[in-house]
Amino acid sequence: MTIEEFIIDHLTGALDVPVRAEVPADPPEEFVLVERTGSSTVNRITTTELAVQSWAASLLEAAELNETVKAAMAAMLALGEISSVHCETDYNYTDTTTKHYRYQAVFAVVHYL
């Protein structure tokens, strides 16, 4: 299982919105997108950087979903495969061209997968 699959499975169980690895052809009003942006392994300890986008119908709803995502990501510390979850930053990531409201949170996750 990849870290992306693991995170998507965890967030799917923790959230009330769909969680995907890519934007669907016909996206729902609210959903979460998980994307790996990089990783490194040092002394057999792997850290993966993930961008997690919260899409919603309004900017406020996207911000609220982002906060829920951050809490769900932090809750992964209770799982044996995850030893560290750090939210490095989060910010308004609205697509001004399409007017799709979204927030993006960037996480560094240390894991044993």
Protein backbone atom coordinates (compact mmCIF):
# COMPACT_ATOMS: atom_id res chain seq x y z
CA MET A 1 0.00 0.00 0.00
CA THR A 2 1.30 3.45 -0.88
CA ILE A 3 1.20 6.36 1.54
CA GLU A 4 -1.34 8.04 -0.76
CA GLU A 5 -3.67 5.02 -0.50
CA PHE A 6 -3.19 4.93 3.27
CA ILE A 7 -3.99 8.64 3.69
CA ILE A 8 -7.00 8.45 1.33
CA ASP A 9 -8.38 5.45 3.24
CA HIS A 10 -7.91 7.21 6.58
CA LEU A 11 -9.47 10.49 5.43
CA THR A 12 -12.37 8.65 3.75
CA GLY A 13 -13.22 7.12 7.12
CA ALA A 14 -12.77 10.40 8.99
CA LEU A 15 -14.54 12.86 6.66
CA ASP A 16 -18.07 13.23 5.31
CA VAL A 17 -16.88 14.16 1.81
CA PRO A 18 -15.27 12.13 -0.99
CA VAL A 19 -11.46 11.88 -0.90
CA ARG A 20 -9.64 11.43 -4.21
CA ALA A 21 -6.15 11.23 -5.72
CA GLU A 22 -7.17 13.32 -8.73
CA VAL A 23 -9.89 15.79 -9.62
CA PRO A 24 -12.93 13.87 -10.92
CA ALA A 25 -14.23 14.66 -14.42
CA ASP A 26 -17.48 15.87 -12.84
CA PRO A 27 -16.36 16.99 -9.36
CA PRO A 28 -18.82 17.10 -6.48
CA GLU A 29 -19.38 20.43 -4.73
CA GLU A 30 -17.20 19.34 -1.79
CA PHE A 31 -14.29 16.92 -1.85
CA VAL A 32 -10.69 16.46 -0.72
CA LEU A 33 -7.75 15.89 -3.03
CA VAL A 34 -4.55 14.19 -1.83
CA GLU A 35 -1.33 14.66 -3.81
CA ARG A 36 2.22 13.55 -3.02
CA THR A 37 4.63 16.39 -3.69
CA GLY A 38 7.86 14.70 -2.58
CA SER A 39 9.52 12.22 -0.26
CA SER A 40 12.86 11.28 1.23
CA THR A 41 14.30 8.34 3.12
CA VAL A 42 17.14 8.66 5.62
CA ASN A 43 18.28 5.69 7.72
CA ARG A 44 15.18 3.74 6.58
CA ILE A 45 12.84 6.44 7.88
CA THR A 46 10.59 7.83 5.15
CA THR A 47 9.09 11.30 5.17
CA THR A 48 6.50 12.12 2.54
CA GLU A 49 5.25 15.59 1.76
CA LEU A 50 1.58 15.75 0.84
CA ALA A 51 -0.61 18.57 -0.43
CA VAL A 52 -4.18 18.08 0.70
CA GLN A 53 -6.73 20.33 -0.96
CA SER A 54 -10.19 21.01 0.48
CA TRP A 55 -12.66 21.96 -2.27
CA ALA A 56 -16.05 23.49 -1.45
CA ALA A 57 -18.85 25.72 -2.76
CA SER A 58 -17.71 28.79 -0.80
CA LEU A 59 -14.45 30.10 0.59
CA LEU A 60 -15.71 29.76 4.16
CA GLU A 61 -16.78 26.15 3.58
CA ALA A 62 -13.37 25.38 2.06
CA ALA A 63 -11.66 26.91 5.12
CA GLU A 64 -13.87 24.88 7.48
CA LEU A 65 -13.19 21.67 5.56
CA ASN A 66 -9.47 22.46 5.69
CA GLU A 67 -9.64 22.65 9.50
CA THR A 68 -11.44 19.30 9.60
CA VAL A 69 -8.77 17.79 7.33
CA LYS A 70 -5.98 19.08 9.59
CA ALA A 71 -7.64 17.49 12.63
CA ALA A 72 -8.10 14.17 10.78
CA MET A 73 -4.47 14.20 9.66
CA ALA A 74 -3.29 14.87 13.24
CA ALA A 75 -5.42 11.93 14.46
CA MET A 76 -3.26 9.58 12.38
CA LEU A 77 -0.63 9.73 15.13
CA ALA A 78 -2.67 7.03 16.88
CA LEU A 79 -1.93 4.63 14.00
CA GLY A 80 1.13 2.39 14.17
CA GLU A 81 2.28 3.13 10.63
CA ILE A 82 2.54 6.89 11.24
CA SER A 83 5.10 8.36 13.64
CA SER A 84 4.79 12.06 12.83
CA VAL A 85 2.36 14.40 11.08
CA HIS A 86 3.34 18.03 10.74
CA CYS A 87 1.23 20.65 8.96
CA GLU A 88 3.92 22.82 7.41
CA THR A 89 1.50 25.42 6.06
CA ASP A 90 -2.05 25.93 4.88
CA TYR A 91 -3.55 28.68 2.76
CA ASN A 92 -6.33 29.83 0.45
CA TYR A 93 -5.68 28.10 -2.89
CA THR A 94 -8.75 29.26 -4.83
CA ASP A 95 -8.50 28.82 -8.59
CA THR A 96 -9.30 32.35 -9.74
CA THR A 97 -9.77 31.26 -13.35
CA THR A 98 -12.50 28.71 -12.65
CA LYS A 99 -13.72 30.21 -9.33
CA HIS A 100 -13.34 26.86 -7.56
CA TYR A 101 -12.89 27.56 -3.86
CA ARG A 102 -10.24 25.49 -2.15
CA TYR A 103 -7.72 25.53 0.63
CA GLN A 104 -4.44 23.64 0.58
CA ALA A 105 -2.60 22.21 3.57
CA VAL A 106 0.92 20.84 3.14
CA PHE A 107 1.93 18.01 5.49
CA ALA A 108 5.18 16.21 6.24
CA VAL A 109 4.31 12.65 7.28
CA VAL A 110 6.88 10.23 8.73
CA HIS A 111 5.70 6.68 8.12
CA TYR A 112 6.60 3.00 7.96
CA LEU A 113 4.78 1.89 4.79
